[in-house]
Protein backbone atom coordinates (compact mmCIF):
# COMPACT_ATOMS: atom_id res chain seq x y z
CA MET A 1 37.63 -3.48 -30.66
CA THR A 2 36.89 -6.99 -29.39
CA PRO A 3 33.27 -8.26 -29.16
CA LEU A 4 33.43 -8.49 -25.36
CA LEU A 5 34.75 -4.92 -25.09
CA ALA A 6 31.95 -3.71 -27.37
CA VAL A 7 29.34 -5.42 -25.20
CA GLY A 8 30.98 -4.03 -22.04
CA LEU A 9 30.81 -0.46 -23.35
CA SER A 10 27.23 -1.09 -24.45
CA VAL A 11 26.29 -2.18 -20.94
CA LEU A 12 27.69 0.99 -19.36
CA LEU A 13 25.82 3.20 -21.84
CA HIS A 14 22.63 1.17 -21.42
CA VAL A 15 22.73 1.47 -17.63
CA SER A 16 23.30 5.23 -17.80
CA TRP A 17 20.22 6.00 -19.89
CA ASN A 18 18.07 3.41 -18.08
CA LEU A 19 18.81 5.00 -14.71
CA LEU A 20 17.95 8.41 -16.17
CA THR A 21 14.66 6.96 -17.43
CA ARG A 22 13.78 5.76 -13.93
CA ARG A 23 14.55 9.21 -12.48
CA THR A 24 12.52 11.11 -15.10
CA HIS A 25 8.78 11.79 -14.73
CA SER A 26 6.69 9.36 -16.77
CA ASP A 27 4.87 12.27 -18.47
CA ALA A 28 8.19 13.28 -20.03
CA ASN A 29 8.19 10.05 -22.11
CA PHE A 30 11.99 9.99 -21.92
CA LEU A 31 12.34 7.26 -24.54
CA TRP A 32 10.42 9.38 -27.08
CA TRP A 33 12.91 12.19 -26.62
CA ILE A 34 16.16 10.25 -26.67
CA VAL A 35 15.33 7.90 -29.56
CA GLY A 36 14.26 10.84 -31.73
CA LEU A 37 17.28 12.92 -30.74
CA HIS A 38 19.66 10.02 -31.37
CA VAL A 39 18.43 9.78 -34.96
CA LEU A 40 18.65 13.55 -35.37
CA ILE A 41 22.25 13.66 -34.09
CA PHE A 42 23.72 10.57 -35.74
CA ALA A 43 21.85 10.27 -39.05
CA PRO A 44 23.85 13.04 -40.83
CA LEU A 45 27.10 11.38 -39.71
CA ALA A 46 26.36 7.66 -40.09
CA LEU A 47 23.48 7.27 -42.55
CA PRO A 48 25.64 7.74 -45.71
CA ALA A 49 27.88 4.83 -44.63
CA PHE A 50 24.83 2.61 -44.10
CA LEU A 51 23.33 3.51 -47.48
CA HIS A 52 26.65 2.73 -49.17
CA ALA A 53 26.77 -0.68 -47.44
CA ALA A 54 23.13 -1.35 -48.36
CA GLN A 55 23.91 -0.79 -52.05
CA ASP A 56 26.26 -3.76 -51.89
CA SER A 57 24.00 -5.79 -49.55
CA PRO A 58 20.31 -4.91 -50.13
CA VAL A 59 19.33 -7.37 -47.37
CA LEU A 60 20.25 -4.56 -44.96
CA TYR A 61 17.14 -2.64 -46.04
CA LEU A 62 14.97 -5.63 -45.14
CA CYS A 63 16.75 -6.19 -41.82
CA ALA A 64 16.42 -2.50 -40.89
CA ALA A 65 12.70 -2.59 -41.71
CA ILE A 66 12.08 -5.79 -39.72
CA SER A 67 14.12 -4.58 -36.74
CA GLY A 68 12.55 -1.12 -36.87
CA ILE A 69 9.01 -2.51 -36.78
CA ALA A 70 9.93 -5.05 -34.09
CA ASN A 71 11.58 -2.31 -32.02
CA GLY A 72 8.51 -0.11 -32.37
CA LEU A 73 6.24 -2.94 -31.22
CA TYR A 74 8.70 -3.71 -28.42
CA PHE A 75 8.47 -0.11 -27.22
CA LEU A 76 4.66 -0.32 -27.21
CA GLY A 77 4.62 -3.65 -25.38
CA LEU A 78 7.11 -2.42 -22.79
CA ARG A 79 5.22 0.82 -22.13
CA ALA A 80 1.92 -1.08 -21.83
CA ALA A 81 3.52 -3.41 -19.27
CA TYR A 82 4.95 -0.46 -17.34
CA HIS A 83 1.45 0.98 -16.95
CA VAL A 84 0.33 -2.02 -14.88
CA ALA A 85 3.56 -3.17 -13.17
CA PRO A 86 6.83 -1.54 -12.05
CA ALA A 87 9.74 -1.46 -14.49
CA SER A 88 11.92 -3.27 -11.92
CA ALA A 89 9.61 -6.30 -12.28
CA VAL A 90 8.78 -6.10 -15.99
CA TYR A 91 12.16 -5.41 -17.56
CA PRO A 92 14.05 -8.44 -16.15
CA MET A 93 11.22 -10.67 -17.37
CA VAL A 94 11.50 -9.20 -20.87
CA ARG A 95 15.28 -9.65 -20.86
CA SER A 96 14.99 -13.42 -20.40
CA SER A 97 14.55 -13.53 -24.20
CA PRO A 98 18.03 -15.09 -24.89
CA LEU A 99 16.54 -18.49 -24.13
CA LEU A 100 14.00 -18.05 -26.94
CA ILE A 101 16.69 -16.59 -29.22
CA ALA A 102 18.92 -19.64 -28.64
CA VAL A 103 16.06 -22.02 -29.46
CA ILE A 104 15.30 -20.24 -32.73
CA GLU A 105 18.99 -19.96 -33.69
CA THR A 106 19.28 -23.71 -33.15
CA LEU A 107 16.14 -24.64 -35.10
CA PHE A 108 16.32 -22.18 -38.01
CA PHE A 109 19.92 -20.91 -38.22
CA ALA A 110 21.74 -24.23 -37.73
CA ARG A 111 23.57 -22.90 -34.68
CA ASP A 112 25.03 -25.65 -32.48
CA PHE A 113 25.23 -24.48 -28.87
CA PRO A 114 27.33 -26.51 -26.41
CA LEU A 115 25.67 -27.82 -23.26
CA LEU A 116 27.50 -25.25 -21.10
CA SER A 117 25.92 -22.38 -23.03
CA TRP A 118 22.40 -23.77 -22.50
CA PHE A 119 23.15 -24.11 -18.79
CA ALA A 120 24.55 -20.56 -18.61
CA ILE A 121 21.57 -19.04 -20.46
CA LEU A 122 19.10 -20.94 -18.26
CA VAL A 123 20.86 -19.89 -15.04
CA ALA A 124 20.89 -16.25 -16.17
CA ALA A 125 17.19 -16.44 -17.07
CA GLY A 126 16.43 -17.92 -13.63
CA GLY A 127 18.27 -15.02 -12.00
CA LEU A 128 16.26 -12.52 -14.02
CA TRP A 129 13.02 -14.11 -12.87
CA LEU A 130 14.19 -13.91 -9.25
CA ILE A 131 14.83 -10.20 -9.74
CA ALA A 132 11.45 -9.71 -11.43
CA THR A 133 9.54 -11.34 -8.56
CA SER A 134 11.50 -9.77 -5.69
CA SER A 135 8.80 -7.22 -4.88
CA HIS A 136 5.49 -8.41 -3.37
CA ASP A 137 3.64 -5.60 -5.14
CA GLY A 138 5.50 -6.37 -8.34
CA VAL A 139 4.48 -10.05 -8.25
CA ARG A 140 0.81 -9.14 -7.81
CA ARG A 141 0.86 -6.66 -10.67
CA LEU A 142 2.93 -8.93 -12.93
CA SER A 143 -0.15 -11.12 -13.33
CA LYS A 144 -1.65 -8.30 -15.42
CA ALA A 145 1.59 -7.27 -17.12
CA TRP A 146 2.94 -10.65 -18.27
CA PRO A 147 1.14 -10.74 -21.67
CA TYR A 148 2.68 -7.38 -22.59
CA ALA A 149 6.08 -8.44 -21.20
CA LEU A 150 5.95 -11.70 -23.17
CA PHE A 151 5.07 -9.77 -26.32
CA ALA A 152 8.03 -7.44 -25.73
CA ALA A 153 10.32 -10.47 -25.22
CA VAL A 154 9.14 -11.96 -28.53
CA MET A 155 9.81 -8.66 -30.30
CA THR A 156 13.28 -8.58 -28.71
CA THR A 157 13.86 -12.01 -30.24
CA VAL A 158 12.69 -10.83 -33.67
CA TYR A 159 14.88 -7.74 -33.85
CA SER A 160 17.88 -9.52 -32.31
CA LEU A 161 17.81 -12.25 -34.97
CA SER A 162 17.26 -9.68 -37.72
CA ASP A 163 20.21 -7.69 -36.37
CA LYS A 164 22.34 -10.84 -36.35
CA VAL A 165 21.66 -11.29 -40.07
CA ALA A 166 22.49 -7.62 -40.70
CA ALA A 167 25.67 -7.72 -38.59
CA GLY A 168 27.54 -9.77 -41.18
CA HIS A 169 27.07 -6.95 -43.71
CA LEU A 170 27.93 -4.03 -41.39
CA ASP A 171 31.63 -3.33 -41.81
CA GLY A 172 32.43 -1.19 -38.82
CA LEU A 173 30.75 0.59 -35.93
CA HIS A 174 29.93 3.69 -38.02
CA VAL A 175 27.89 1.55 -40.43
CA ALA A 176 26.12 -0.10 -37.49
CA LEU A 177 25.23 3.38 -36.19
CA GLY A 178 23.67 4.22 -39.55
CA TYR A 179 21.70 0.96 -39.45
CA VAL A 180 20.45 1.87 -35.96
CA CYS A 181 19.37 5.31 -37.19
CA VAL A 182 17.10 3.74 -39.83
CA ASN A 183 15.89 1.17 -37.33
CA TYR A 184 15.16 3.79 -34.65
CA ALA A 185 13.51 6.20 -37.09
CA ILE A 186 10.91 3.50 -37.77
CA GLY A 187 10.57 2.65 -34.07
CA TRP A 188 10.18 6.33 -33.17
CA LEU A 189 7.07 6.54 -35.36
CA PHE A 190 5.47 3.92 -33.12
CA LEU A 191 6.44 5.99 -30.06
CA CYS A 192 4.87 9.05 -31.67
CA GLY A 193 1.62 7.17 -32.30
CA GLU A 194 1.54 5.89 -28.72
CA GLN A 195 2.30 9.36 -27.35
CA LYS A 196 -0.56 10.91 -29.36
CA ARG A 197 -3.04 8.14 -28.50
CA ARG A 198 -2.29 8.23 -24.78
CA THR A 199 -2.05 12.00 -24.19
CA GLN A 200 -3.64 13.62 -27.27
CA ARG A 201 -0.32 15.43 -27.72
CA TRP A 202 2.42 14.76 -30.27
CA VAL A 203 5.08 16.20 -27.93
CA PRO A 204 5.31 15.16 -24.25
CA ALA A 205 4.11 17.74 -21.74
CA ILE A 206 7.41 17.68 -19.82
CA THR A 207 10.87 18.24 -21.28
CA PRO A 208 13.71 16.44 -19.44
CA SER A 209 16.85 18.34 -18.48
CA LYS A 210 19.36 19.08 -21.25
CA ARG A 211 22.00 16.99 -19.47
CA SER A 212 19.69 13.97 -19.27
CA LEU A 213 18.70 14.36 -22.91
CA LEU A 214 22.31 14.57 -24.06
CA ILE A 215 23.42 11.50 -22.10
CA GLY A 216 20.34 9.54 -23.16
CA ALA A 217 20.50 10.51 -26.84
CA LEU A 218 24.19 9.66 -27.13
CA GLY A 219 23.83 6.41 -25.21
CA VAL A 220 20.61 4.78 -26.36
CA GLY A 221 21.52 4.06 -29.98
CA THR A 222 25.27 3.76 -29.47
CA ALA A 223 24.70 0.98 -26.92
CA TYR A 224 22.50 -0.81 -29.46
CA ALA A 225 25.03 -0.36 -32.29
CA LEU A 226 27.82 -1.81 -30.13
CA VAL A 227 25.78 -4.98 -29.54
CA ILE A 228 25.11 -5.34 -33.27
CA TYR A 229 28.83 -4.80 -33.92
CA ALA A 230 29.60 -7.64 -31.46
CA MET A 231 27.12 -9.90 -33.26
CA ARG A 232 29.49 -10.07 -36.20
CA TRP A 233 31.41 -12.63 -34.11
CA LEU A 234 28.97 -13.73 -31.38
CA PRO A 235 25.69 -15.66 -31.66
CA ALA A 236 22.71 -13.39 -30.98
CA ALA A 237 21.82 -15.39 -27.84
CA TYR A 238 25.33 -14.78 -26.41
CA ALA A 239 25.35 -11.07 -27.23
CA VAL A 240 21.92 -10.43 -25.69
CA THR A 241 22.74 -12.53 -22.62
CA LEU A 242 25.94 -10.57 -22.01
CA THR A 243 24.07 -7.26 -22.19
CA ASN A 244 22.08 -8.40 -19.15
CA ALA A 245 25.11 -7.41 -17.11
CA GLY A 246 23.39 -4.03 -17.24
CA ILE A 247 20.53 -5.39 -15.14
CA VAL A 248 23.03 -6.57 -12.51
CA LEU A 249 24.54 -3.09 -12.34
CA THR A 250 21.08 -1.49 -12.26
CA VAL A 251 20.02 -3.76 -9.37
CA LEU A 252 23.12 -2.93 -7.34
CA LEU A 253 22.91 0.81 -8.06
CA GLY A 254 19.18 0.75 -7.30
CA ILE A 255 19.85 -0.74 -3.86
CA VAL A 256 22.85 1.45 -3.00
CA TRP A 257 22.05 4.71 -4.80
CA LEU A 258 18.27 4.83 -5.20
CA LYS A 259 17.63 3.12 -1.83
CA GLU A 260 15.35 0.45 -3.34
CA HIS A 261 15.50 -1.89 -0.36
CA GLU A 262 12.29 -3.92 -0.77
CA GLY A 263 13.16 -7.53 -1.58
CA TRP A 264 16.83 -6.64 -1.87
CA ARG A 265 18.07 -10.06 -0.74
CA GLN A 266 16.17 -11.85 -3.51
CA ARG A 267 17.33 -9.27 -6.05
CA VAL A 268 20.97 -9.75 -5.01
CA ALA A 269 20.54 -13.55 -5.23
CA GLY A 270 19.02 -13.15 -8.69
CA ALA A 271 21.85 -10.84 -9.74
CA ALA A 272 24.37 -13.43 -8.52
CA LEU A 273 22.75 -16.11 -10.71
CA VAL A 274 22.83 -13.74 -13.69
CA VAL A 275 26.55 -13.21 -13.07
CA VAL A 276 27.13 -16.98 -13.06
CA GLY A 277 25.35 -17.21 -16.41
CA LEU A 278 27.33 -14.27 -17.78
CA VAL A 279 30.63 -15.86 -16.75
CA GLY A 280 29.65 -19.08 -18.54
CA VAL A 281 28.71 -17.24 -21.74
CA GLY A 282 31.77 -15.00 -21.45
CA VAL A 283 34.09 -18.03 -21.27
CA LEU A 284 32.51 -19.45 -24.41
CA SER A 285 32.71 -16.07 -26.17
CA ALA A 286 36.38 -15.39 -25.38
C-alpha cells in the first residue's frame, strides 16, 4: 500500500465517523463509545504484534505513552471548545496544526522543506480558517473557544511528531493498529474522567445505534493507524495536511446532505484553497 493510498483510505474512514458524530446527540458522547470499542475490538488482534515490535524498539513504549496522553488532552480540549462554539468552526481551526508541525520538524528534526511545501501548507491553513469563520454565529463564539482550540492544535502537534518517531519502528499496518490501541486506551481514560466530571456518570446516558457504533469503532482507530503507516515515508506535516481532505469532503457533504447553507460560499472558497494546498503537498509526496 502506498502512503497516498493509506492517507486516502484514512480520509474516507475519518469522514464517515465524523459525520456520525455530528448526527449523534451530544449526551451520547459518541467519541467515548467508539474509542473504547475500537480498543476492545482490535487489541486482541493487534496488541501482540505491537508488543513484539516494542521488545526490539523500546522507544515505542515512550511514543505510545506520549501520544496517548497528548490524544487524551486533545480530546478534552476539543470537547471544551465544542461546548462554546460549533464543531464546524472549531475543528478546521484545530486542523491548521500542520503549519506548527512543519516549524517544529524544521527546527528540531532537521527536516528541510522546499518552498512549495511551505506555500501549500500555508494556503491549506488559510482555507481552513475561511471555513472556520464562515458562520456569523461561529465567529462570535470562536472568541471564547480559541484558547481550547489552540490547545487542541498543540496537542495534535505533539502526538503527530511522537507518531512520526514511532512510525519508523512499526513494520506494517497491523503493528500500527496495536500501537493505536495502546495510545487510545490511555486517551480513553481521559474521556472517562471528562464524562464522569461533566455528567456524574461513568457511562453516557444515551447509547448510539449499533450501526453507528460499528462504523465508528472500526473507523476511528483504523483511520489513525493508516496515517501513522503513511508517516513511515512522509513527513508528519505532509501526512496531517493530506488528511485535511476529510474536511473538504465534510464541508461538501454538510452543504449537500445536511443542508448546512449558512455561509456556504465562504466554506466552498475555503475548501477550494485547502484543495490547492493538498495538490501541492500531494505532488511533493508522490
